Amino acid sequence: MTAIDRTMYRQMKRSSTTKELIEAFTPTEEERRFVSTMTRTVQNQFNLMLWIKLFPCLGYFPALSEIPAPLVDHLRKALDLAVDVAPLYDHDRTLYRHHQLVREYYQIIPDGKEARRAALRTLLRAVRTMDNPADMINAVLEELIKQRYELPAFSTLERLTGRVRALAYGRIYRAMESRMTTEVQQGLEQLLETQTSSQRSPFSQLKLVPQSPTLSHLKARMSSPSVRFWSASACSSAS
């Protein structure tokens, strides 16, 4: 699994300074007019304003239970609402309607098949030059944000990345297997066999700390079984 902290996927901050709350979550006059035009009740105006302020910070809609209390308190005070007003919906259809209003307000394309196709195309390009899943996920995030897509869940990006990497590595494995001769296969197996004289395998000898670059050391190194094998394999591949 990829640690979300190693990617640029935005997460909800559990604590914010007063300055951060004021700068990021104080409603503007334009936002107030939009919310008052789209909703009537105090409860729904508060709910919609939450999404209006949260979406630019995250790029997706979190669960109501994930919204930190300090943020809720700040917004409630900014709107001059009673202390008992909290993020709450009586009907899911109202929640979905508010989400759609926010997408229209910011001109965002909803997460769906098109977003997944864009993510997949980006991953297929990224896997050619990248190996780290976090780097690949970051490439997808940059592309989705650029194309103004609502971000999918992190688990979705992680799953897509895993599938693309498995596909790419499977192709590499099959390509290598098709080119491997019997001689090369036997040589690879012998790399793991422990030599009686040195009590070490040829593979472990490859990892030894290099000696000083003298001519005698170079000759001794070139005469080792592991080096002879890889040299022969390289010549065979080149031919």
Protein backbone atom coordinates (compact mmCIF):
# COMPACT_ATOMS: atom_id res chain seq x y z
CA MET A 1 0.00 0.00 0.00
CA THR A 2 1.11 3.55 -0.77
CA ALA A 3 1.28 6.00 2.14
CA ILE A 4 -1.03 8.89 1.32
CA ASP A 5 1.42 11.27 3.04
CA ARG A 6 3.98 10.51 0.34
CA THR A 7 1.66 11.88 -2.35
CA MET A 8 0.15 15.30 -3.03
CA TYR A 9 -3.37 13.99 -2.37
CA ARG A 10 -5.01 16.62 -0.20
CA GLN A 11 -6.20 15.62 3.25
CA MET A 12 -8.34 17.29 5.86
CA LYS A 13 -6.23 19.11 8.44
CA ARG A 14 -7.32 18.14 11.92
CA SER A 15 -6.12 21.45 13.36
CA SER A 16 -5.63 24.90 11.86
CA THR A 17 -4.46 28.21 13.19
CA THR A 18 -6.87 31.12 13.54
CA LYS A 19 -5.12 32.85 10.65
CA GLU A 20 -5.52 29.81 8.41
CA LEU A 21 -9.21 29.54 9.23
CA ILE A 22 -9.82 33.22 8.53
CA GLU A 23 -7.94 33.18 5.23
CA ALA A 24 -9.32 29.93 3.84
CA PHE A 25 -12.79 29.56 5.35
CA THR A 26 -14.29 33.03 5.79
CA PRO A 27 -17.14 33.41 3.25
CA THR A 28 -16.85 36.16 0.67
CA GLU A 29 -19.77 38.37 -0.37
CA GLU A 30 -20.00 36.55 -3.69
CA GLU A 31 -20.20 33.17 -1.93
CA ARG A 32 -22.86 34.49 0.45
CA ARG A 33 -24.99 35.70 -2.46
CA PHE A 34 -24.64 32.40 -4.30
CA VAL A 35 -25.62 30.33 -1.25
CA SER A 36 -28.59 32.54 -0.36
CA THR A 37 -29.80 32.31 -3.95
CA MET A 38 -29.54 28.52 -4.15
CA THR A 39 -30.92 27.58 -0.72
CA ARG A 40 -33.57 28.92 1.63
CA THR A 41 -33.21 27.35 5.07
CA VAL A 42 -30.44 28.30 7.48
CA GLN A 43 -29.41 24.66 7.78
CA ASN A 44 -28.96 24.15 4.03
CA GLN A 45 -27.21 27.48 3.60
CA PHE A 46 -24.71 26.41 6.23
CA ASN A 47 -24.25 23.00 4.59
CA LEU A 48 -23.74 24.44 1.12
CA MET A 49 -21.30 27.05 2.39
CA LEU A 50 -19.23 24.29 3.97
CA TRP A 51 -18.82 22.60 0.59
CA ILE A 52 -18.12 25.90 -1.15
CA LYS A 53 -15.22 26.55 1.22
CA LEU A 54 -13.93 22.96 1.49
CA PHE A 55 -13.87 21.85 -2.13
CA PRO A 56 -11.08 24.22 -3.33
CA CYS A 57 -8.89 22.99 -0.47
CA LEU A 58 -9.40 19.29 -1.17
CA GLY A 59 -10.66 18.73 -4.69
CA TYR A 60 -13.26 16.24 -3.47
CA PHE A 61 -16.15 16.02 -1.00
CA PRO A 62 -15.23 14.44 2.36
CA ALA A 63 -17.70 12.78 4.69
CA LEU A 64 -19.47 15.17 7.04
CA SER A 65 -17.97 13.34 10.00
CA GLU A 66 -14.45 14.16 8.76
CA ILE A 67 -14.93 17.94 8.89
CA PRO A 68 -12.96 19.28 11.89
CA ALA A 69 -14.91 21.00 14.65
CA PRO A 70 -12.75 24.19 14.63
CA LEU A 71 -13.59 24.73 10.97
CA VAL A 72 -17.30 24.23 11.65
CA ASP A 73 -17.16 26.66 14.60
CA HIS A 74 -15.35 29.29 12.53
CA LEU A 75 -17.84 29.13 9.67
CA ARG A 76 -20.80 29.16 12.04
CA LYS A 77 -19.50 32.33 13.70
CA ALA A 78 -18.70 33.93 10.35
CA LEU A 79 -22.31 33.38 9.27
CA ASP A 80 -23.63 34.51 12.67
CA LEU A 81 -25.54 31.27 13.27
CA ALA A 82 -26.70 29.60 16.47
CA VAL A 83 -24.34 27.17 18.18
CA ASP A 84 -26.68 24.23 17.55
CA VAL A 85 -26.36 24.51 13.76
CA ALA A 86 -24.15 21.66 12.55
CA PRO A 87 -23.41 19.83 9.28
CA LEU A 88 -26.49 17.67 8.79
CA TYR A 89 -28.74 16.48 5.95
CA ASP A 90 -32.24 15.04 6.24
CA HIS A 91 -32.15 13.61 2.71
CA ASP A 92 -29.29 12.29 0.58
CA ARG A 93 -30.76 13.92 -2.53
CA THR A 94 -30.18 17.36 -0.97
CA LEU A 95 -26.56 16.43 -0.29
CA TYR A 96 -26.06 15.32 -3.91
CA ARG A 97 -27.74 18.49 -5.16
CA HIS A 98 -25.37 20.61 -3.09
CA HIS A 99 -22.39 18.71 -4.47
CA GLN A 100 -23.60 19.38 -8.00
CA LEU A 101 -24.08 23.08 -7.23
CA VAL A 102 -20.48 23.27 -6.02
CA ARG A 103 -19.23 21.54 -9.19
CA GLU A 104 -21.12 24.05 -11.31
CA TYR A 105 -19.87 26.96 -9.21
CA TYR A 106 -16.23 25.95 -9.73
CA GLN A 107 -16.79 24.43 -13.21
CA ILE A 108 -15.56 21.01 -12.13
CA ILE A 109 -16.18 17.73 -13.99
CA PRO A 110 -17.60 15.07 -11.63
CA ASP A 111 -15.62 11.98 -10.76
CA GLY A 112 -16.73 9.20 -13.09
CA LYS A 113 -15.79 7.17 -16.15
CA GLU A 114 -14.10 10.07 -17.95
CA ALA A 115 -11.97 10.87 -14.88
CA ARG A 116 -10.96 7.20 -14.60
CA ARG A 117 -10.00 7.11 -18.29
CA ALA A 118 -7.88 10.24 -17.85
CA ALA A 119 -6.22 8.67 -14.81
CA LEU A 120 -5.56 5.43 -16.68
CA ARG A 121 -4.02 7.21 -19.67
CA THR A 122 -1.73 9.13 -17.36
CA LEU A 123 -0.67 5.97 -15.52
CA LEU A 124 0.11 4.15 -18.77
CA ARG A 125 2.42 7.01 -19.72
CA ALA A 126 3.94 7.33 -16.26
CA VAL A 127 4.79 3.64 -15.86
CA ARG A 128 7.22 3.93 -18.78
CA THR A 129 9.54 6.16 -16.75
CA MET A 130 8.39 5.76 -13.13
CA ASP A 131 8.48 2.89 -10.66
CA ASN A 132 7.46 4.46 -7.33
CA PRO A 133 3.64 4.25 -6.87
CA ALA A 134 3.59 7.60 -5.05
CA ASP A 135 5.23 9.30 -8.05
CA MET A 136 2.71 7.71 -10.40
CA ILE A 137 -0.22 8.81 -8.25
CA ASN A 138 1.18 12.35 -8.15
CA ALA A 139 1.34 12.37 -11.95
CA VAL A 140 -2.34 11.40 -12.06
CA LEU A 141 -3.31 14.06 -9.53
CA GLU A 142 -1.54 16.76 -11.51
CA GLU A 143 -3.35 15.72 -14.68
CA LEU A 144 -6.79 15.48 -13.07
CA ILE A 145 -6.41 18.88 -11.44
CA LYS A 146 -5.20 20.35 -14.74
CA GLN A 147 -8.28 18.99 -16.54
CA ARG A 148 -10.56 20.21 -13.70
CA TYR A 149 -11.79 16.79 -12.60
CA GLU A 150 -13.15 16.07 -9.16
CA LEU A 151 -10.59 13.83 -7.47
CA PRO A 152 -11.53 10.18 -6.87
CA ALA A 153 -10.94 8.47 -3.56
CA PHE A 154 -7.29 7.77 -2.79
CA SER A 155 -8.04 4.04 -2.63
CA THR A 156 -9.26 4.21 -6.23
CA LEU A 157 -6.02 5.83 -7.41
CA GLU A 158 -4.00 3.29 -5.45
CA ARG A 159 -5.91 0.38 -6.99
CA LEU A 160 -5.55 1.72 -10.55
CA THR A 161 -1.82 2.28 -10.02
CA GLY A 162 -1.36 -1.27 -8.75
CA ARG A 163 -3.12 -2.73 -11.78
CA VAL A 164 -1.08 -0.71 -14.26
CA ARG A 165 2.21 -1.62 -12.55
CA ALA A 166 1.24 -5.30 -12.53
CA LEU A 167 0.40 -5.11 -16.24
CA ALA A 168 3.67 -3.37 -17.11
CA TYR A 169 5.84 -5.72 -15.04
CA GLY A 170 4.00 -8.73 -16.46
CA ARG A 171 4.92 -7.63 -19.98
CA ILE A 172 8.57 -7.15 -18.98
CA TYR A 173 8.67 -10.60 -17.37
CA ARG A 174 7.14 -12.29 -20.42
CA ALA A 175 9.54 -10.46 -22.75
CA MET A 176 12.55 -11.56 -20.71
CA GLU A 177 11.26 -15.12 -20.41
CA SER A 178 10.80 -15.40 -24.17
CA ARG A 179 14.42 -14.32 -24.79
CA MET A 180 16.05 -16.42 -22.07
CA THR A 181 18.05 -19.36 -23.37
CA THR A 182 18.66 -22.57 -21.43
CA GLU A 183 22.27 -21.53 -20.88
CA VAL A 184 21.27 -18.19 -19.37
CA GLN A 185 18.66 -19.85 -17.14
CA GLN A 186 21.22 -22.35 -15.83
CA GLY A 187 23.68 -19.52 -15.19
CA LEU A 188 21.11 -17.61 -13.16
CA GLU A 189 20.37 -20.69 -11.06
CA GLN A 190 24.09 -21.24 -10.41
CA LEU A 191 24.41 -17.71 -9.04
CA LEU A 192 22.56 -18.87 -5.93
CA GLU A 193 24.64 -22.00 -5.36
CA THR A 194 27.17 -21.71 -2.54
CA GLN A 195 30.77 -22.39 -3.53
CA THR A 196 32.54 -24.94 -1.32
CA SER A 197 35.85 -23.07 -1.33
CA SER A 198 34.56 -19.62 -0.42
CA GLN A 199 31.29 -20.55 1.33
CA ARG A 200 29.69 -17.80 -0.70
CA SER A 201 27.42 -17.81 -3.74
CA PRO A 202 28.43 -16.01 -6.94
CA PHE A 203 25.49 -13.65 -6.33
CA SER A 204 26.79 -12.64 -2.90
CA GLN A 205 30.23 -12.05 -4.41
CA LEU A 206 28.70 -9.47 -6.74
CA LYS A 207 27.80 -7.44 -3.67
CA LEU A 208 31.27 -7.42 -2.14
CA VAL A 209 32.88 -4.03 -1.51
CA PRO A 210 35.16 -3.30 -4.50
CA GLN A 211 38.89 -3.51 -3.89
CA SER A 212 41.34 -0.82 -4.89
CA PRO A 213 41.52 -0.51 -8.71
CA THR A 214 44.86 -2.27 -9.28
CA LEU A 215 45.59 -4.47 -12.29
CA SER A 216 45.92 -7.64 -10.18
CA HIS A 217 42.59 -7.01 -8.46
CA LEU A 218 40.93 -6.35 -11.82
CA LYS A 219 42.25 -9.64 -13.26
CA ALA A 220 41.06 -11.54 -10.18
CA ARG A 221 37.69 -9.91 -10.39
CA MET A 222 37.25 -10.68 -14.09
CA SER A 223 38.09 -14.34 -13.51
CA SER A 224 35.26 -14.87 -10.98
CA PRO A 225 32.37 -17.13 -12.16
CA SER A 226 29.73 -14.44 -11.70
CA VAL A 227 31.54 -11.88 -13.85
CA ARG A 228 32.31 -14.48 -16.54
CA PHE A 229 28.63 -15.42 -16.64
CA TRP A 230 27.34 -11.86 -16.97
CA SER A 231 29.97 -11.05 -19.62
CA ALA A 232 28.98 -14.10 -21.62
CA SER A 233 25.29 -13.23 -21.27
CA ALA A 234 25.89 -9.69 -22.43
CA CYS A 235 27.80 -10.90 -25.50
CA SER A 236 25.06 -13.43 -26.24
CA SER A 237 22.34 -10.77 -25.96
CA ALA A 238 24.29 -8.34 -28.14
CA SER A 239 24.71 -10.91 -30.86
